[in-house]
């Protein structure tokens, strides 16, 4: 069970990343959609391409900021292949993913490395400081809307369309000032967090086959 201290550690670690990550995703989304619109590449068949290009632009934006780590709140990009967008802060790792049409938090799929990432086994050895986190970004729902990002700590695998397994889930504020009044108050039912956290759904997901 995640403790209030554990949850506070994770939110404190992500606080400084909120503004630069949103700036990177906003920049990437604008650049990608401008490219596809300019070339008349419209319609549902191009949705994945737009998302992939937006991610790559966002990753490049973060790489440019990396020269001055204070602009990334202590985080740094992890060099990798296959177009992955990963960040590291000490032993914390953050993987940036786009929400799917059916799942706000994407399932790990069949990739063994991603499944291992979702299980967060290193936490048993090193504690919350070694958490594998997801930053799941959702495109604007309507023209003129804003990208939103959820920070999730997965604790196992699940199949697409089934309840996700996690023990922490909150929407990342766009401004660091929004973190100021957050408190973590334990009660006899567990932890009460100042953001969406559906314990019943998480427990159902833990019991499902994957």
N, C-alpha and C. Protein backbone atom coordinates (compact mmCIF):
# COMPACT_ATOMS: atom_id res chain seq x y z
N UNK A 1 0.84 -1.20 0.00
CA UNK A 1 0.00 0.00 0.00
C UNK A 1 0.88 1.25 0.00
N UNK A 2 0.58 2.16 -0.88
CA UNK A 2 1.31 3.42 -0.94
C UNK A 2 0.98 4.26 0.29
N UNK A 3 1.99 4.78 0.95
CA UNK A 3 1.77 5.60 2.14
C UNK A 3 1.67 7.07 1.74
N UNK A 4 1.17 7.92 2.64
CA UNK A 4 1.14 9.36 2.34
C UNK A 4 2.53 9.91 2.05
N UNK A 5 3.53 9.40 2.76
CA UNK A 5 4.91 9.86 2.52
C UNK A 5 5.38 9.46 1.12
N UNK A 6 5.02 8.24 0.70
CA UNK A 6 5.38 7.78 -0.64
C UNK A 6 4.73 8.67 -1.71
N UNK A 7 3.43 8.93 -1.54
CA UNK A 7 2.72 9.75 -2.51
C UNK A 7 3.30 11.17 -2.54
N UNK A 8 3.66 11.70 -1.38
CA UNK A 8 4.25 13.04 -1.32
C UNK A 8 5.59 13.08 -2.05
N UNK A 9 6.37 12.00 -1.92
CA UNK A 9 7.66 11.94 -2.60
C UNK A 9 7.48 12.01 -4.11
N UNK A 10 6.52 11.26 -4.63
CA UNK A 10 6.31 11.24 -6.07
C UNK A 10 5.79 12.58 -6.59
N UNK A 11 4.84 13.18 -5.88
CA UNK A 11 4.33 14.47 -6.35
C UNK A 11 5.40 15.55 -6.26
N UNK A 12 6.24 15.50 -5.23
CA UNK A 12 7.32 16.47 -5.11
C UNK A 12 8.32 16.30 -6.26
N UNK A 13 8.56 15.05 -6.65
CA UNK A 13 9.51 14.78 -7.73
C UNK A 13 8.98 15.24 -9.08
N UNK A 14 7.66 15.16 -9.28
CA UNK A 14 7.09 15.54 -10.57
C UNK A 14 6.71 17.02 -10.65
N UNK A 15 6.72 17.68 -9.50
CA UNK A 15 6.29 19.08 -9.46
C UNK A 15 7.07 19.95 -10.44
N UNK A 16 8.39 19.86 -10.39
CA UNK A 16 9.20 20.72 -11.25
C UNK A 16 9.15 20.37 -12.72
N UNK A 17 8.62 19.19 -13.03
CA UNK A 17 8.55 18.75 -14.43
C UNK A 17 7.28 19.23 -15.11
N UNK A 18 6.28 19.62 -14.33
CA UNK A 18 4.96 19.89 -14.91
C UNK A 18 5.00 20.94 -16.01
N UNK A 19 5.56 22.09 -15.74
CA UNK A 19 5.55 23.17 -16.73
C UNK A 19 6.36 22.82 -17.98
N UNK A 20 7.61 22.31 -17.86
CA UNK A 20 8.36 21.97 -19.07
C UNK A 20 7.76 20.82 -19.87
N UNK A 21 7.15 19.84 -19.17
CA UNK A 21 6.55 18.72 -19.91
C UNK A 21 5.34 19.19 -20.70
N UNK A 22 4.50 20.02 -20.10
CA UNK A 22 3.36 20.56 -20.83
C UNK A 22 3.84 21.42 -22.00
N UNK A 23 4.89 22.22 -21.78
CA UNK A 23 5.41 23.05 -22.87
C UNK A 23 5.90 22.18 -24.03
N UNK A 24 6.57 21.07 -23.69
CA UNK A 24 7.08 20.17 -24.72
C UNK A 24 5.94 19.52 -25.50
N UNK A 25 4.92 19.05 -24.79
CA UNK A 25 3.80 18.38 -25.46
C UNK A 25 2.98 19.37 -26.27
N UNK A 26 2.78 20.57 -25.75
CA UNK A 26 2.06 21.61 -26.52
C UNK A 26 2.80 21.92 -27.81
N UNK A 27 4.13 22.09 -27.70
CA UNK A 27 4.95 22.39 -28.88
C UNK A 27 4.89 21.24 -29.87
N UNK A 28 5.02 20.01 -29.38
CA UNK A 28 5.00 18.86 -30.26
C UNK A 28 3.66 18.67 -30.95
N UNK A 29 2.59 18.86 -30.21
CA UNK A 29 1.25 18.71 -30.76
C UNK A 29 1.01 19.75 -31.87
N UNK A 30 1.40 20.99 -31.61
CA UNK A 30 1.20 22.05 -32.60
C UNK A 30 2.01 21.79 -33.86
N UNK A 31 3.27 21.41 -33.68
CA UNK A 31 4.15 21.16 -34.82
C UNK A 31 3.66 19.98 -35.66
N UNK A 32 3.26 18.90 -35.00
CA UNK A 32 2.81 17.70 -35.72
C UNK A 32 1.54 17.97 -36.51
N UNK A 33 0.57 18.63 -35.90
CA UNK A 33 -0.69 18.87 -36.58
C UNK A 33 -0.52 19.89 -37.71
N UNK A 34 0.39 20.84 -37.53
CA UNK A 34 0.64 21.78 -38.62
C UNK A 34 1.21 21.06 -39.83
N UNK A 35 2.10 20.11 -39.60
CA UNK A 35 2.71 19.35 -40.70
C UNK A 35 1.65 18.53 -41.44
N UNK A 36 0.84 17.79 -40.71
CA UNK A 36 -0.16 16.93 -41.35
C UNK A 36 -1.23 17.76 -42.06
N UNK A 37 -1.65 18.85 -41.45
CA UNK A 37 -2.67 19.70 -42.08
C UNK A 37 -2.13 20.36 -43.35
N UNK A 38 -0.86 20.78 -43.29
CA UNK A 38 -0.25 21.44 -44.45
C UNK A 38 -0.21 20.52 -45.65
N UNK A 39 -0.03 19.23 -45.41
CA UNK A 39 0.07 18.27 -46.51
C UNK A 39 -1.26 17.57 -46.79
N UNK A 40 -2.33 18.05 -46.21
CA UNK A 40 -3.64 17.47 -46.48
C UNK A 40 -3.81 16.07 -45.95
N UNK A 41 -3.02 15.71 -44.93
CA UNK A 41 -3.08 14.37 -44.36
C UNK A 41 -4.07 14.40 -43.20
N UNK A 42 -5.35 14.27 -43.54
CA UNK A 42 -6.41 14.41 -42.54
C UNK A 42 -7.23 13.11 -42.49
N UNK A 43 -8.01 12.99 -41.44
CA UNK A 43 -8.84 11.79 -41.28
C UNK A 43 -8.26 10.85 -40.24
N UNK A 44 -9.08 9.88 -39.84
CA UNK A 44 -8.69 8.95 -38.79
C UNK A 44 -7.46 8.12 -39.15
N UNK A 45 -7.24 7.89 -40.42
CA UNK A 45 -6.10 7.07 -40.83
C UNK A 45 -4.76 7.68 -40.50
N UNK A 46 -4.74 8.96 -40.22
CA UNK A 46 -3.49 9.64 -39.89
C UNK A 46 -3.35 9.94 -38.40
N UNK A 47 -4.28 9.50 -37.59
CA UNK A 47 -4.25 9.84 -36.16
C UNK A 47 -2.99 9.33 -35.47
N UNK A 48 -2.61 8.09 -35.74
CA UNK A 48 -1.43 7.54 -35.08
C UNK A 48 -0.18 8.27 -35.52
N UNK A 49 -0.10 8.61 -36.81
CA UNK A 49 1.05 9.34 -37.29
C UNK A 49 1.19 10.70 -36.63
N UNK A 50 0.07 11.38 -36.45
CA UNK A 50 0.09 12.67 -35.77
C UNK A 50 0.60 12.52 -34.34
N UNK A 51 0.10 11.49 -33.65
CA UNK A 51 0.52 11.27 -32.26
C UNK A 51 2.00 10.94 -32.17
N UNK A 52 2.48 10.06 -33.06
CA UNK A 52 3.89 9.69 -33.04
C UNK A 52 4.79 10.90 -33.31
N UNK A 53 4.40 11.72 -34.27
CA UNK A 53 5.21 12.90 -34.60
C UNK A 53 5.17 13.92 -33.46
N UNK A 54 4.01 14.07 -32.83
CA UNK A 54 3.90 14.97 -31.68
C UNK A 54 4.83 14.51 -30.56
N UNK A 55 4.88 13.21 -30.31
CA UNK A 55 5.77 12.67 -29.28
C UNK A 55 7.22 12.95 -29.60
N UNK A 56 7.61 12.74 -30.87
CA UNK A 56 8.99 12.96 -31.26
C UNK A 56 9.39 14.43 -31.15
N UNK A 57 8.49 15.33 -31.53
CA UNK A 57 8.77 16.76 -31.36
C UNK A 57 8.91 17.10 -29.88
N UNK A 58 8.04 16.54 -29.05
CA UNK A 58 8.11 16.80 -27.60
C UNK A 58 9.42 16.27 -27.02
N UNK A 59 9.81 15.11 -27.48
CA UNK A 59 11.07 14.54 -27.01
C UNK A 59 12.25 15.44 -27.39
N UNK A 60 12.23 15.95 -28.60
CA UNK A 60 13.32 16.83 -29.04
C UNK A 60 13.31 18.13 -28.25
N UNK A 61 12.14 18.63 -27.91
CA UNK A 61 12.02 19.84 -27.11
C UNK A 61 12.70 19.63 -25.75
N UNK A 62 12.43 18.47 -25.14
CA UNK A 62 13.03 18.15 -23.84
C UNK A 62 14.53 17.98 -23.96
N UNK A 63 14.99 17.37 -25.04
CA UNK A 63 16.43 17.20 -25.24
C UNK A 63 17.14 18.54 -25.34
N UNK A 64 16.49 19.51 -25.95
CA UNK A 64 17.09 20.85 -26.04
C UNK A 64 17.16 21.50 -24.66
N UNK A 65 16.17 21.25 -23.81
CA UNK A 65 16.18 21.81 -22.46
C UNK A 65 17.22 21.14 -21.56
N UNK A 66 17.64 19.95 -21.93
CA UNK A 66 18.49 19.15 -21.06
C UNK A 66 19.81 19.84 -20.74
N UNK A 67 20.23 20.78 -21.57
CA UNK A 67 21.48 21.50 -21.31
C UNK A 67 21.45 22.24 -19.99
N UNK A 68 20.28 22.58 -19.52
CA UNK A 68 20.14 23.26 -18.24
C UNK A 68 19.08 22.51 -17.44
N UNK A 69 19.51 21.56 -16.58
CA UNK A 69 18.59 20.64 -15.93
C UNK A 69 17.59 21.34 -15.02
N UNK A 70 17.90 22.56 -14.60
CA UNK A 70 16.94 23.24 -13.73
C UNK A 70 15.62 23.48 -14.45
N UNK A 71 15.66 23.50 -15.79
CA UNK A 71 14.42 23.69 -16.55
C UNK A 71 13.60 22.41 -16.64
N UNK A 72 14.15 21.28 -16.19
CA UNK A 72 13.43 20.01 -16.22
C UNK A 72 13.15 19.50 -14.81
N UNK A 73 13.32 20.34 -13.83
CA UNK A 73 13.02 19.94 -12.46
C UNK A 73 13.85 18.77 -11.98
N UNK A 74 15.08 18.63 -12.47
CA UNK A 74 15.95 17.53 -12.06
C UNK A 74 15.85 16.30 -12.93
N UNK A 75 14.94 16.29 -13.90
CA UNK A 75 14.77 15.15 -14.78
C UNK A 75 15.69 15.27 -15.99
N UNK A 76 15.99 14.15 -16.61
CA UNK A 76 16.80 14.14 -17.83
C UNK A 76 16.29 13.06 -18.77
N UNK A 77 16.40 13.29 -20.07
CA UNK A 77 15.93 12.28 -21.04
C UNK A 77 16.85 11.07 -21.05
N UNK A 78 16.27 9.90 -21.28
CA UNK A 78 17.02 8.66 -21.40
C UNK A 78 17.16 8.34 -22.88
N UNK A 79 18.37 8.20 -23.33
CA UNK A 79 18.59 7.85 -24.73
C UNK A 79 18.14 6.42 -24.96
N UNK A 80 17.33 6.23 -25.98
CA UNK A 80 16.83 4.89 -26.28
C UNK A 80 16.42 4.79 -27.73
N UNK A 81 16.01 3.61 -28.12
CA UNK A 81 15.61 3.37 -29.49
C UNK A 81 14.10 3.23 -29.58
N UNK A 82 13.62 2.95 -30.75
CA UNK A 82 12.19 2.69 -30.99
C UNK A 82 11.29 3.87 -30.67
N UNK A 83 11.84 5.07 -30.67
CA UNK A 83 11.02 6.25 -30.46
C UNK A 83 10.50 6.39 -29.05
N UNK A 84 11.07 5.70 -28.08
CA UNK A 84 10.59 5.80 -26.71
C UNK A 84 10.91 7.17 -26.13
N UNK A 85 10.03 7.64 -25.27
CA UNK A 85 10.18 8.93 -24.62
C UNK A 85 10.21 8.66 -23.12
N UNK A 86 11.43 8.54 -22.57
CA UNK A 86 11.63 8.23 -21.16
C UNK A 86 12.42 9.35 -20.50
N UNK A 87 12.12 9.62 -19.22
CA UNK A 87 12.88 10.56 -18.42
C UNK A 87 13.32 9.87 -17.13
N UNK A 88 14.41 10.39 -16.54
CA UNK A 88 14.93 9.82 -15.29
C UNK A 88 15.23 10.94 -14.31
N UNK A 89 14.95 10.66 -13.03
CA UNK A 89 15.31 11.57 -11.95
C UNK A 89 15.78 10.70 -10.79
N UNK A 90 17.11 10.58 -10.63
CA UNK A 90 17.64 9.64 -9.66
C UNK A 90 17.25 8.23 -10.07
N UNK A 91 16.59 7.48 -9.18
CA UNK A 91 16.13 6.13 -9.52
C UNK A 91 14.70 6.12 -10.07
N UNK A 92 14.03 7.27 -10.08
CA UNK A 92 12.70 7.37 -10.67
C UNK A 92 12.78 7.35 -12.18
N UNK A 93 11.88 6.65 -12.81
CA UNK A 93 11.78 6.64 -14.28
C UNK A 93 10.36 7.00 -14.68
N UNK A 94 10.25 7.81 -15.72
CA UNK A 94 8.94 8.27 -16.20
C UNK A 94 8.85 7.98 -17.69
N UNK A 95 7.83 7.23 -18.08
CA UNK A 95 7.61 6.92 -19.49
C UNK A 95 6.40 7.71 -19.97
N UNK A 96 6.59 8.49 -21.04
CA UNK A 96 5.51 9.33 -21.57
C UNK A 96 4.78 8.54 -22.65
N UNK A 97 3.49 8.34 -22.46
CA UNK A 97 2.65 7.59 -23.38
C UNK A 97 1.39 8.38 -23.71
N UNK A 98 0.82 8.10 -24.86
CA UNK A 98 -0.44 8.73 -25.23
C UNK A 98 -1.59 7.80 -24.88
N UNK A 99 -2.68 8.36 -24.35
CA UNK A 99 -3.86 7.55 -24.04
C UNK A 99 -4.40 6.93 -25.33
N UNK A 100 -4.97 5.74 -25.22
CA UNK A 100 -5.56 5.09 -26.38
C UNK A 100 -7.04 5.47 -26.47
N UNK A 101 -7.67 5.21 -27.60
CA UNK A 101 -9.10 5.54 -27.72
C UNK A 101 -9.98 4.81 -26.70
N UNK A 102 -9.50 3.67 -26.19
CA UNK A 102 -10.33 2.86 -25.29
C UNK A 102 -9.82 2.85 -23.85
N UNK A 103 -8.56 3.21 -23.63
CA UNK A 103 -7.97 3.14 -22.30
C UNK A 103 -7.26 4.44 -21.97
N UNK A 104 -7.68 5.09 -20.89
CA UNK A 104 -6.99 6.30 -20.47
C UNK A 104 -5.54 5.98 -20.10
N UNK A 105 -5.35 4.81 -19.47
CA UNK A 105 -4.00 4.33 -19.17
C UNK A 105 -3.73 3.13 -20.06
N UNK A 106 -2.81 3.24 -21.03
CA UNK A 106 -2.59 2.14 -21.96
C UNK A 106 -2.10 0.88 -21.26
N UNK A 107 -2.61 -0.28 -21.69
CA UNK A 107 -2.12 -1.56 -21.19
C UNK A 107 -0.71 -1.80 -21.71
N UNK A 108 0.08 -2.63 -21.02
CA UNK A 108 1.47 -2.84 -21.45
C UNK A 108 1.62 -3.63 -22.74
N UNK A 109 0.57 -4.35 -23.15
CA UNK A 109 0.68 -5.16 -24.36
C UNK A 109 1.52 -6.40 -24.11
N UNK A 110 2.14 -6.91 -25.17
CA UNK A 110 2.88 -8.16 -25.06
C UNK A 110 4.39 -7.96 -24.92
N UNK A 111 4.84 -6.72 -25.01
CA UNK A 111 6.27 -6.45 -24.91
C UNK A 111 6.77 -6.78 -23.50
N UNK A 112 7.74 -7.70 -23.40
CA UNK A 112 8.21 -8.15 -22.09
C UNK A 112 8.86 -7.04 -21.29
N UNK A 113 9.59 -6.15 -21.96
CA UNK A 113 10.25 -5.06 -21.25
C UNK A 113 9.22 -4.11 -20.65
N UNK A 114 8.15 -3.83 -21.41
CA UNK A 114 7.12 -2.93 -20.89
C UNK A 114 6.35 -3.60 -19.76
N UNK A 115 6.05 -4.89 -19.89
CA UNK A 115 5.37 -5.61 -18.82
C UNK A 115 6.19 -5.54 -17.53
N UNK A 116 7.50 -5.77 -17.65
CA UNK A 116 8.38 -5.70 -16.49
C UNK A 116 8.36 -4.30 -15.88
N UNK A 117 8.35 -3.29 -16.72
CA UNK A 117 8.29 -1.90 -16.25
C UNK A 117 7.02 -1.68 -15.43
N UNK A 118 5.91 -2.18 -15.92
CA UNK A 118 4.62 -1.97 -15.25
C UNK A 118 4.55 -2.66 -13.88
N UNK A 119 5.30 -3.75 -13.69
CA UNK A 119 5.22 -4.47 -12.43
C UNK A 119 5.94 -3.75 -11.28
N UNK A 120 6.84 -2.85 -11.62
CA UNK A 120 7.51 -2.04 -10.58
C UNK A 120 8.19 -2.90 -9.51
N UNK A 121 8.87 -3.95 -9.90
CA UNK A 121 9.46 -4.86 -8.93
C UNK A 121 10.62 -4.23 -8.15
N UNK A 122 11.31 -3.26 -8.74
CA UNK A 122 12.44 -2.64 -8.04
C UNK A 122 12.01 -1.93 -6.77
N UNK A 123 10.73 -1.55 -6.69
CA UNK A 123 10.22 -0.87 -5.50
C UNK A 123 10.36 -1.76 -4.27
N UNK A 124 10.23 -3.07 -4.44
CA UNK A 124 10.36 -3.99 -3.30
C UNK A 124 11.75 -3.95 -2.70
N UNK A 125 12.76 -3.61 -3.51
CA UNK A 125 14.14 -3.57 -3.04
C UNK A 125 14.56 -2.19 -2.56
N UNK A 126 14.16 -1.15 -3.29
CA UNK A 126 14.68 0.19 -3.03
C UNK A 126 13.64 1.18 -2.52
N UNK A 127 12.37 0.78 -2.50
CA UNK A 127 11.34 1.69 -2.03
C UNK A 127 10.79 2.57 -3.14
N UNK A 128 9.95 3.52 -2.76
CA UNK A 128 9.25 4.37 -3.72
C UNK A 128 10.21 5.17 -4.59
N UNK A 129 11.43 5.40 -4.10
CA UNK A 129 12.42 6.17 -4.87
C UNK A 129 12.79 5.50 -6.18
N UNK A 130 12.50 4.20 -6.32
CA UNK A 130 12.83 3.47 -7.55
C UNK A 130 11.60 3.20 -8.40
N UNK A 131 10.56 3.99 -8.24
CA UNK A 131 9.30 3.75 -8.95
C UNK A 131 9.43 3.97 -10.45
N UNK A 132 8.75 3.12 -11.21
CA UNK A 132 8.53 3.34 -12.64
C UNK A 132 7.18 4.02 -12.79
N UNK A 133 7.16 5.21 -13.36
CA UNK A 133 5.93 5.99 -13.50
C UNK A 133 5.54 6.13 -14.96
N UNK A 134 4.28 6.40 -15.19
CA UNK A 134 3.77 6.72 -16.52
C UNK A 134 3.26 8.15 -16.51
N UNK A 135 3.54 8.88 -17.57
CA UNK A 135 2.91 10.18 -17.81
C UNK A 135 2.04 10.00 -19.04
N UNK A 136 0.75 9.85 -18.83
CA UNK A 136 -0.17 9.55 -19.93
C UNK A 136 -0.82 10.85 -20.39
N UNK A 137 -0.52 11.24 -21.64
CA UNK A 137 -1.07 12.51 -22.13
C UNK A 137 -2.25 12.26 -23.06
N UNK A 138 -3.21 13.14 -22.93
CA UNK A 138 -4.45 13.05 -23.70
C UNK A 138 -4.58 14.28 -24.57
N UNK A 139 -4.80 14.08 -25.86
CA UNK A 139 -4.95 15.20 -26.79
C UNK A 139 -6.19 16.02 -26.44
N UNK A 140 -6.22 17.29 -26.85
CA UNK A 140 -7.41 18.12 -26.59
C UNK A 140 -8.66 17.46 -27.13
N UNK A 141 -9.72 17.51 -26.36
CA UNK A 141 -10.98 16.88 -26.77
C UNK A 141 -11.71 17.70 -27.83
N UNK A 142 -11.39 18.97 -27.92
CA UNK A 142 -12.04 19.85 -28.89
C UNK A 142 -11.06 20.93 -29.33
N UNK A 143 -11.35 21.57 -30.44
CA UNK A 143 -10.48 22.62 -30.96
C UNK A 143 -10.36 23.74 -29.93
N UNK A 144 -9.12 24.15 -29.68
CA UNK A 144 -8.89 25.19 -28.68
C UNK A 144 -8.71 24.65 -27.28
N UNK A 145 -8.89 23.33 -27.09
CA UNK A 145 -8.71 22.72 -25.78
C UNK A 145 -7.23 22.52 -25.46
N UNK A 146 -6.97 21.98 -24.29
CA UNK A 146 -5.60 21.80 -23.84
C UNK A 146 -5.28 20.32 -23.64
N UNK A 147 -4.02 19.98 -23.83
CA UNK A 147 -3.52 18.66 -23.50
C UNK A 147 -3.58 18.48 -21.99
N UNK A 148 -3.91 17.29 -21.54
CA UNK A 148 -3.87 16.95 -20.12
C UNK A 148 -2.92 15.77 -19.92
N UNK A 149 -2.32 15.70 -18.74
CA UNK A 149 -1.35 14.65 -18.42
C UNK A 149 -1.70 14.04 -17.06
N UNK A 150 -1.73 12.72 -16.99
CA UNK A 150 -1.94 12.02 -15.73
C UNK A 150 -0.66 11.28 -15.36
N UNK A 151 -0.28 11.36 -14.10
CA UNK A 151 0.85 10.60 -13.58
C UNK A 151 0.29 9.34 -12.91
N UNK A 152 0.78 8.19 -13.33
CA UNK A 152 0.28 6.91 -12.85
C UNK A 152 1.46 6.04 -12.42
N UNK A 153 1.30 5.35 -11.28
CA UNK A 153 2.28 4.34 -10.90
C UNK A 153 1.64 2.97 -11.07
N UNK A 154 1.99 2.25 -12.15
CA UNK A 154 1.40 0.92 -12.38
C UNK A 154 1.99 -0.10 -11.41
N UNK A 155 1.23 -1.16 -11.14
CA UNK A 155 1.71 -2.21 -10.23
C UNK A 155 1.43 -3.59 -10.80
N UNK A 156 1.33 -3.69 -12.11
CA UNK A 156 1.09 -4.99 -12.74
C UNK A 156 0.60 -4.81 -14.16
N UNK A 157 0.37 -5.92 -14.84
CA UNK A 157 -0.10 -5.86 -16.21
C UNK A 157 -1.60 -6.10 -16.28
N UNK A 158 -2.20 -5.69 -17.37
CA UNK A 158 -3.63 -5.93 -17.61
C UNK A 158 -3.86 -5.93 -19.11
N UNK A 159 -4.99 -6.48 -19.51
CA UNK A 159 -5.32 -6.54 -20.93
C UNK A 159 -6.03 -5.25 -21.35
N UNK A 160 -5.90 -4.87 -22.63
CA UNK A 160 -6.62 -3.69 -23.12
C UNK A 160 -8.11 -3.81 -22.85
N UNK A 161 -8.70 -2.72 -22.39
CA UNK A 161 -10.12 -2.71 -22.10
C UNK A 161 -10.48 -3.16 -20.70
N UNK A 162 -9.49 -3.69 -19.95
CA UNK A 162 -9.73 -4.10 -18.58
C UNK A 162 -9.25 -3.01 -17.62
N UNK A 163 -9.74 -3.01 -16.37
CA UNK A 163 -9.31 -1.99 -15.42
C UNK A 163 -7.80 -2.01 -15.22
N UNK A 164 -7.17 -0.86 -15.23
CA UNK A 164 -5.71 -0.80 -15.03
C UNK A 164 -5.34 -1.08 -13.59
N UNK A 165 -4.11 -1.52 -13.37
CA UNK A 165 -3.59 -1.79 -12.03
C UNK A 165 -2.61 -0.69 -11.65
N UNK A 166 -2.98 0.10 -10.66
CA UNK A 166 -2.12 1.19 -10.22
C UNK A 166 -2.41 1.49 -8.76
N UNK A 167 -1.48 2.17 -8.10
CA UNK A 167 -1.75 2.60 -6.73
C UNK A 167 -1.59 4.11 -6.55
N UNK A 168 -1.36 4.81 -7.65
CA UNK A 168 -1.34 6.27 -7.60
C UNK A 168 -1.71 6.81 -8.97
N UNK A 169 -2.59 7.79 -8.99
CA UNK A 169 -3.07 8.36 -10.25
C UNK A 169 -3.52 9.79 -9.97
N UNK A 170 -2.91 10.76 -10.63
CA UNK A 170 -3.36 12.14 -10.47
C UNK A 170 -3.08 12.93 -11.74
N UNK A 171 -3.89 13.96 -11.95
CA UNK A 171 -3.67 14.83 -13.09
C UNK A 171 -2.57 15.83 -12.75
N UNK A 172 -1.58 15.91 -13.62
CA UNK A 172 -0.45 16.81 -13.41
C UNK A 172 -0.88 18.25 -13.67
N UNK A 173 -0.78 19.13 -12.68
CA UNK A 173 -1.15 20.54 -12.92
C UNK A 173 -0.20 21.19 -13.92
N UNK A 174 -0.70 22.19 -14.60
CA UNK A 174 0.13 22.91 -15.55
C UNK A 174 1.07 23.89 -14.87
N UNK A 175 0.74 24.31 -13.66
CA UNK A 175 1.57 25.26 -12.94
C UNK A 175 1.97 24.67 -11.59
N UNK A 176 3.21 24.88 -11.19
CA UNK A 176 3.70 24.29 -9.96
C UNK A 176 2.98 24.84 -8.73
N UNK A 177 2.42 26.04 -8.83
CA UNK A 177 1.72 26.60 -7.68
C UNK A 177 0.53 25.74 -7.27
N UNK A 178 0.00 24.96 -8.22
CA UNK A 178 -1.17 24.12 -7.92
C UNK A 178 -0.84 23.03 -6.90
N UNK A 179 0.45 22.72 -6.70
CA UNK A 179 0.84 21.69 -5.74
C UNK A 179 0.81 22.20 -4.29
N UNK A 180 0.77 23.49 -4.11
CA UNK A 180 1.01 24.08 -2.80
C UNK A 180 0.10 23.54 -1.71
N UNK A 181 -1.17 23.42 -1.98
CA UNK A 181 -2.14 23.04 -0.94
C UNK A 181 -2.46 21.56 -0.90
N UNK A 182 -1.73 20.74 -1.65
CA UNK A 182 -2.00 19.32 -1.65
C UNK A 182 -1.59 18.69 -0.32
N UNK A 183 -2.45 17.84 0.21
CA UNK A 183 -2.16 17.12 1.44
C UNK A 183 -2.56 15.66 1.26
N UNK A 184 -1.91 14.80 2.00
CA UNK A 184 -2.20 13.37 1.96
C UNK A 184 -2.63 12.95 3.35
N UNK A 185 -3.91 12.61 3.49
CA UNK A 185 -4.48 12.35 4.80
C UNK A 185 -4.93 10.90 4.88
N UNK A 186 -4.27 10.07 5.71
CA UNK A 186 -4.70 8.67 5.85
C UNK A 186 -5.94 8.56 6.72
N UNK A 187 -6.78 7.57 6.43
CA UNK A 187 -7.91 7.27 7.31
C UNK A 187 -8.05 5.76 7.41
N UNK A 188 -9.10 5.29 8.07
CA UNK A 188 -9.22 3.85 8.29
C UNK A 188 -9.57 3.08 7.03
N UNK A 189 -9.84 3.78 5.94
CA UNK A 189 -10.13 3.12 4.68
C UNK A 189 -8.94 3.15 3.73
N UNK A 190 -7.86 3.80 4.15
CA UNK A 190 -6.68 3.89 3.30
C UNK A 190 -6.22 5.32 3.19
N UNK A 191 -5.86 5.72 1.99
CA UNK A 191 -5.30 7.04 1.77
C UNK A 191 -6.29 7.90 1.00
N UNK A 192 -6.53 9.08 1.48
CA UNK A 192 -7.39 10.03 0.78
C UNK A 192 -6.48 11.01 0.06
N UNK A 193 -6.54 11.03 -1.25
CA UNK A 193 -5.68 11.89 -2.04
C UNK A 193 -6.51 13.01 -2.67
N UNK A 194 -5.90 14.18 -2.90
CA UNK A 194 -6.63 15.32 -3.45
C UNK A 194 -6.78 15.27 -4.95
N UNK A 195 -6.97 14.07 -5.51
CA UNK A 195 -7.22 13.93 -6.93
C UNK A 195 -7.91 12.59 -7.14
N UNK A 196 -8.32 12.32 -8.35
CA UNK A 196 -9.08 11.11 -8.65
C UNK A 196 -8.28 9.87 -8.30
N UNK A 197 -8.88 8.98 -7.51
CA UNK A 197 -8.20 7.74 -7.13
C UNK A 197 -9.27 6.73 -6.78
N UNK A 198 -9.55 5.81 -7.66
CA UNK A 198 -10.63 4.86 -7.49
C UNK A 198 -10.08 3.54 -6.97
N UNK A 199 -10.10 3.36 -5.65
CA UNK A 199 -9.53 2.16 -5.04
C UNK A 199 -10.29 0.92 -5.47
N UNK A 200 -11.63 1.01 -5.59
CA UNK A 200 -12.41 -0.16 -5.99
C UNK A 200 -12.01 -0.65 -7.36
N UNK A 201 -11.79 0.30 -8.28
CA UNK A 201 -11.41 -0.07 -9.64
C UNK A 201 -10.04 -0.72 -9.66
N UNK A 202 -9.11 -0.20 -8.83
CA UNK A 202 -7.77 -0.76 -8.79
C UNK A 202 -7.81 -2.20 -8.28
N UNK A 203 -8.58 -2.45 -7.24
CA UNK A 203 -8.65 -3.80 -6.69
C UNK A 203 -9.27 -4.76 -7.68
N UNK A 204 -10.27 -4.30 -8.43
CA UNK A 204 -10.87 -5.17 -9.44
C UNK A 204 -9.83 -5.52 -10.50
N UNK A 205 -9.01 -4.53 -10.88
CA UNK A 205 -7.99 -4.78 -11.88
C UNK A 205 -6.95 -5.77 -11.40
N UNK A 206 -6.60 -5.73 -10.10
CA UNK A 206 -5.61 -6.63 -9.58
C UNK A 206 -6.07 -8.08 -9.65
N UNK A 207 -7.37 -8.29 -9.59
CA UNK A 207 -7.86 -9.65 -9.59
C UNK A 207 -8.14 -10.22 -10.96
N UNK A 208 -8.02 -9.38 -11.98
CA UNK A 208 -8.34 -9.83 -13.33
C UNK A 208 -7.17 -10.55 -13.96
N UNK A 209 -7.46 -11.40 -14.92
CA UNK A 209 -6.39 -12.06 -15.63
C UNK A 209 -5.76 -11.13 -16.63
N UNK A 210 -4.48 -11.30 -16.88
CA UNK A 210 -3.77 -10.45 -17.82
C UNK A 210 -2.70 -11.25 -18.54
